[in-house]
């Protein structure tokens, strides 16, 4: 298994700061309907090559890779109010 993963990141149309990470080849329409009801319409934000040592703003790359391997996606929740205001 390669340490490089091609990932697409989508932002939520319903909740600011919420993102879902999926393998590049995954159509977000195939994600669980319960997730999409909560998440709203996925808006493509970016694609990236993810490696275990890559720095991400709010999650560890290894946690993202593990979640994608286990469930097919990683859901990044919005920051808590204290994280936003300091």
N, C-alpha and C. Protein backbone atom coordinates (compact mmCIF):
# COMPACT_ATOMS: atom_id res chain seq x y z
N UNK A 1 0.85 -1.19 0.00
CA UNK A 1 0.00 0.00 0.00
C UNK A 1 0.88 1.24 0.00
N UNK A 2 0.57 2.19 -0.83
CA UNK A 2 1.35 3.41 -0.95
C UNK A 2 1.10 4.34 0.23
N UNK A 3 2.12 5.12 0.57
CA UNK A 3 1.97 6.13 1.62
C UNK A 3 1.38 7.42 1.08
N UNK A 4 1.17 7.50 -0.23
CA UNK A 4 0.58 8.69 -0.85
C UNK A 4 -0.87 8.40 -1.21
N UNK A 5 -1.73 9.32 -0.82
CA UNK A 5 -3.16 9.17 -1.07
C UNK A 5 -3.66 10.43 -1.76
N UNK A 6 -4.35 10.26 -2.89
CA UNK A 6 -4.97 11.40 -3.58
C UNK A 6 -6.33 11.64 -2.94
N UNK A 7 -6.49 12.82 -2.36
CA UNK A 7 -7.67 13.14 -1.56
C UNK A 7 -8.39 14.36 -2.14
N UNK A 8 -9.71 14.31 -2.11
CA UNK A 8 -10.53 15.48 -2.41
C UNK A 8 -11.16 15.95 -1.12
N UNK A 9 -11.21 17.26 -0.95
CA UNK A 9 -11.80 17.86 0.25
C UNK A 9 -13.00 18.69 -0.19
N UNK A 10 -14.13 18.47 0.49
CA UNK A 10 -15.36 19.19 0.21
C UNK A 10 -15.79 19.94 1.46
N UNK A 11 -16.27 21.17 1.28
CA UNK A 11 -16.79 21.92 2.42
C UNK A 11 -18.31 21.79 2.45
N UNK A 12 -18.85 21.94 3.64
CA UNK A 12 -20.29 21.80 3.85
C UNK A 12 -21.03 23.05 3.41
N UNK A 13 -22.19 22.86 2.81
CA UNK A 13 -23.05 23.99 2.46
C UNK A 13 -23.91 24.41 3.66
N UNK A 14 -23.94 23.58 4.71
CA UNK A 14 -24.78 23.86 5.87
C UNK A 14 -24.02 24.40 7.07
N UNK A 15 -22.77 23.95 7.25
CA UNK A 15 -22.04 24.28 8.46
C UNK A 15 -20.65 24.81 8.13
N UNK A 16 -20.42 26.06 8.45
CA UNK A 16 -19.12 26.67 8.20
C UNK A 16 -18.04 25.94 9.00
N UNK A 17 -16.94 25.65 8.36
CA UNK A 17 -15.82 24.98 9.02
C UNK A 17 -15.89 23.47 9.01
N UNK A 18 -16.94 22.89 8.43
CA UNK A 18 -17.07 21.44 8.35
C UNK A 18 -16.63 20.99 6.96
N UNK A 19 -15.77 19.96 6.94
CA UNK A 19 -15.23 19.44 5.69
C UNK A 19 -15.28 17.92 5.71
N UNK A 20 -15.40 17.33 4.53
CA UNK A 20 -15.28 15.88 4.40
C UNK A 20 -14.13 15.59 3.43
N UNK A 21 -13.27 14.66 3.82
CA UNK A 21 -12.12 14.23 3.03
C UNK A 21 -12.46 12.85 2.47
N UNK A 22 -12.28 12.66 1.17
CA UNK A 22 -12.56 11.37 0.53
C UNK A 22 -11.46 11.06 -0.48
N UNK A 23 -11.31 9.77 -0.84
CA UNK A 23 -10.38 9.46 -1.93
C UNK A 23 -10.79 10.21 -3.19
N UNK A 24 -9.83 10.63 -3.96
CA UNK A 24 -10.07 11.45 -5.16
C UNK A 24 -11.11 10.83 -6.09
N UNK A 25 -11.12 9.52 -6.20
CA UNK A 25 -12.02 8.86 -7.14
C UNK A 25 -13.45 8.69 -6.59
N UNK A 26 -13.69 9.08 -5.35
CA UNK A 26 -15.00 8.90 -4.73
C UNK A 26 -15.95 10.03 -5.12
N UNK A 27 -17.11 9.66 -5.60
CA UNK A 27 -18.17 10.63 -5.88
C UNK A 27 -18.86 10.93 -4.54
N UNK A 28 -18.90 12.18 -4.10
CA UNK A 28 -19.52 12.46 -2.80
C UNK A 28 -20.99 12.05 -2.72
N UNK A 29 -21.65 11.87 -3.85
CA UNK A 29 -23.04 11.41 -3.85
C UNK A 29 -23.16 9.99 -3.31
N UNK A 30 -22.05 9.25 -3.24
CA UNK A 30 -22.07 7.88 -2.73
C UNK A 30 -21.85 7.80 -1.22
N UNK A 31 -21.62 8.94 -0.57
CA UNK A 31 -21.44 8.94 0.89
C UNK A 31 -22.76 8.62 1.57
N UNK A 32 -22.73 8.14 2.82
CA UNK A 32 -23.97 7.77 3.51
C UNK A 32 -24.99 8.92 3.53
N UNK A 33 -26.24 8.59 3.30
CA UNK A 33 -27.29 9.62 3.24
C UNK A 33 -27.43 10.35 4.57
N UNK A 34 -27.23 9.66 5.69
CA UNK A 34 -27.33 10.33 6.99
C UNK A 34 -26.25 11.40 7.13
N UNK A 35 -25.06 11.13 6.61
CA UNK A 35 -23.98 12.12 6.64
C UNK A 35 -24.34 13.30 5.76
N UNK A 36 -24.85 13.04 4.58
CA UNK A 36 -25.15 14.11 3.64
C UNK A 36 -26.32 14.98 4.11
N UNK A 37 -27.27 14.39 4.84
CA UNK A 37 -28.36 15.18 5.42
C UNK A 37 -27.80 16.18 6.41
N UNK A 38 -26.86 15.75 7.23
CA UNK A 38 -26.22 16.61 8.23
C UNK A 38 -25.25 17.60 7.58
N UNK A 39 -24.50 17.13 6.59
CA UNK A 39 -23.43 17.90 5.95
C UNK A 39 -23.96 18.91 4.94
N UNK A 40 -25.02 18.53 4.23
CA UNK A 40 -25.54 19.38 3.16
C UNK A 40 -24.85 19.07 1.84
N UNK A 41 -25.00 19.98 0.91
CA UNK A 41 -24.40 19.80 -0.42
C UNK A 41 -22.88 19.96 -0.33
N UNK A 42 -22.11 18.98 -0.81
CA UNK A 42 -20.65 19.12 -0.77
C UNK A 42 -20.15 20.08 -1.85
N UNK A 43 -19.32 21.02 -1.44
CA UNK A 43 -18.73 22.00 -2.36
C UNK A 43 -17.24 21.73 -2.43
N UNK A 44 -16.75 21.39 -3.63
CA UNK A 44 -15.34 21.02 -3.78
C UNK A 44 -14.45 22.18 -3.35
N UNK A 45 -13.53 21.90 -2.43
CA UNK A 45 -12.60 22.92 -1.94
C UNK A 45 -11.22 22.75 -2.55
N UNK A 46 -10.71 21.51 -2.56
CA UNK A 46 -9.38 21.27 -3.12
C UNK A 46 -9.09 19.79 -3.19
N UNK A 47 -8.04 19.47 -3.95
CA UNK A 47 -7.47 18.13 -4.00
C UNK A 47 -6.05 18.24 -3.47
N UNK A 48 -5.58 17.17 -2.83
CA UNK A 48 -4.20 17.17 -2.36
C UNK A 48 -3.66 15.76 -2.29
N UNK A 49 -2.34 15.66 -2.25
CA UNK A 49 -1.66 14.39 -2.01
C UNK A 49 -1.41 14.33 -0.51
N UNK A 50 -1.98 13.33 0.14
CA UNK A 50 -1.86 13.20 1.58
C UNK A 50 -0.91 12.06 1.92
N UNK A 51 0.09 12.37 2.73
CA UNK A 51 1.03 11.39 3.25
C UNK A 51 0.94 11.44 4.77
N UNK A 52 1.34 10.37 5.47
CA UNK A 52 1.22 10.36 6.93
C UNK A 52 1.94 11.50 7.64
N UNK A 53 2.99 12.04 7.03
CA UNK A 53 3.75 13.11 7.69
C UNK A 53 3.33 14.51 7.24
N UNK A 54 2.32 14.62 6.40
CA UNK A 54 1.88 15.94 5.94
C UNK A 54 1.19 16.69 7.08
N UNK A 55 1.46 17.96 7.16
CA UNK A 55 0.83 18.82 8.18
C UNK A 55 -0.54 19.28 7.68
N UNK A 56 -1.54 19.09 8.51
CA UNK A 56 -2.88 19.60 8.24
C UNK A 56 -3.25 20.57 9.35
N UNK A 57 -4.16 21.47 9.07
CA UNK A 57 -4.51 22.52 10.03
C UNK A 57 -5.18 21.99 11.29
N UNK A 58 -6.10 21.03 11.16
CA UNK A 58 -6.91 20.66 12.32
C UNK A 58 -6.97 19.17 12.61
N UNK A 59 -6.23 18.36 11.89
CA UNK A 59 -6.26 16.91 12.10
C UNK A 59 -4.89 16.35 11.77
N UNK A 60 -4.62 15.17 12.30
CA UNK A 60 -3.37 14.52 11.91
C UNK A 60 -3.62 13.76 10.62
N UNK A 61 -2.67 13.81 9.73
CA UNK A 61 -2.80 13.13 8.44
C UNK A 61 -3.02 11.63 8.64
N UNK A 62 -2.35 11.04 9.62
CA UNK A 62 -2.51 9.60 9.85
C UNK A 62 -3.93 9.27 10.31
N UNK A 63 -4.57 10.15 11.10
CA UNK A 63 -5.96 9.93 11.50
C UNK A 63 -6.90 10.03 10.30
N UNK A 64 -6.64 10.98 9.42
CA UNK A 64 -7.46 11.14 8.22
C UNK A 64 -7.33 9.91 7.33
N UNK A 65 -6.11 9.45 7.11
CA UNK A 65 -5.87 8.27 6.28
C UNK A 65 -6.54 7.04 6.88
N UNK A 66 -6.43 6.88 8.21
CA UNK A 66 -7.04 5.73 8.88
C UNK A 66 -8.57 5.75 8.74
N UNK A 67 -9.18 6.91 8.95
CA UNK A 67 -10.64 7.02 8.83
C UNK A 67 -11.11 6.73 7.42
N UNK A 68 -10.39 7.23 6.43
CA UNK A 68 -10.75 6.96 5.04
C UNK A 68 -10.63 5.47 4.75
N UNK A 69 -9.59 4.84 5.28
CA UNK A 69 -9.43 3.40 5.10
C UNK A 69 -10.54 2.60 5.76
N UNK A 70 -11.00 3.05 6.93
CA UNK A 70 -12.03 2.33 7.69
C UNK A 70 -13.44 2.57 7.17
N UNK A 71 -13.78 3.84 6.90
CA UNK A 71 -15.17 4.16 6.57
C UNK A 71 -15.35 4.84 5.22
N UNK A 72 -14.25 5.12 4.53
CA UNK A 72 -14.35 5.72 3.21
C UNK A 72 -14.33 7.23 3.19
N UNK A 73 -14.33 7.87 4.37
CA UNK A 73 -14.29 9.33 4.45
C UNK A 73 -13.78 9.74 5.83
N UNK A 74 -13.37 11.01 5.93
CA UNK A 74 -13.03 11.62 7.22
C UNK A 74 -13.84 12.89 7.32
N UNK A 75 -14.58 13.05 8.41
CA UNK A 75 -15.39 14.24 8.63
C UNK A 75 -14.67 15.15 9.61
N UNK A 76 -14.34 16.35 9.15
CA UNK A 76 -13.72 17.35 10.03
C UNK A 76 -14.81 18.29 10.51
N UNK A 77 -15.00 18.31 11.82
CA UNK A 77 -16.03 19.15 12.42
C UNK A 77 -15.55 20.59 12.51
N UNK A 78 -16.48 21.54 12.59
CA UNK A 78 -16.09 22.94 12.74
C UNK A 78 -15.36 23.14 14.07
N UNK A 79 -14.51 24.15 14.15
CA UNK A 79 -13.83 24.40 15.42
C UNK A 79 -14.83 24.83 16.48
N UNK A 80 -14.50 24.49 17.73
CA UNK A 80 -15.33 24.96 18.84
C UNK A 80 -15.14 26.46 18.97
N UNK A 81 -16.09 27.12 19.56
CA UNK A 81 -16.05 28.59 19.70
C UNK A 81 -14.75 29.05 20.36
N UNK A 82 -14.25 28.32 21.36
CA UNK A 82 -13.02 28.72 22.04
C UNK A 82 -11.81 28.64 21.12
N UNK A 83 -11.83 27.70 20.16
CA UNK A 83 -10.74 27.58 19.20
C UNK A 83 -10.75 28.77 18.24
N UNK A 84 -11.91 29.27 17.93
CA UNK A 84 -12.04 30.37 16.98
C UNK A 84 -11.63 31.69 17.62
N UNK A 85 -12.08 31.91 18.84
CA UNK A 85 -11.84 33.19 19.49
C UNK A 85 -10.55 33.24 20.28
N UNK A 86 -9.93 32.08 20.49
CA UNK A 86 -8.65 32.05 21.17
C UNK A 86 -8.82 31.76 22.60
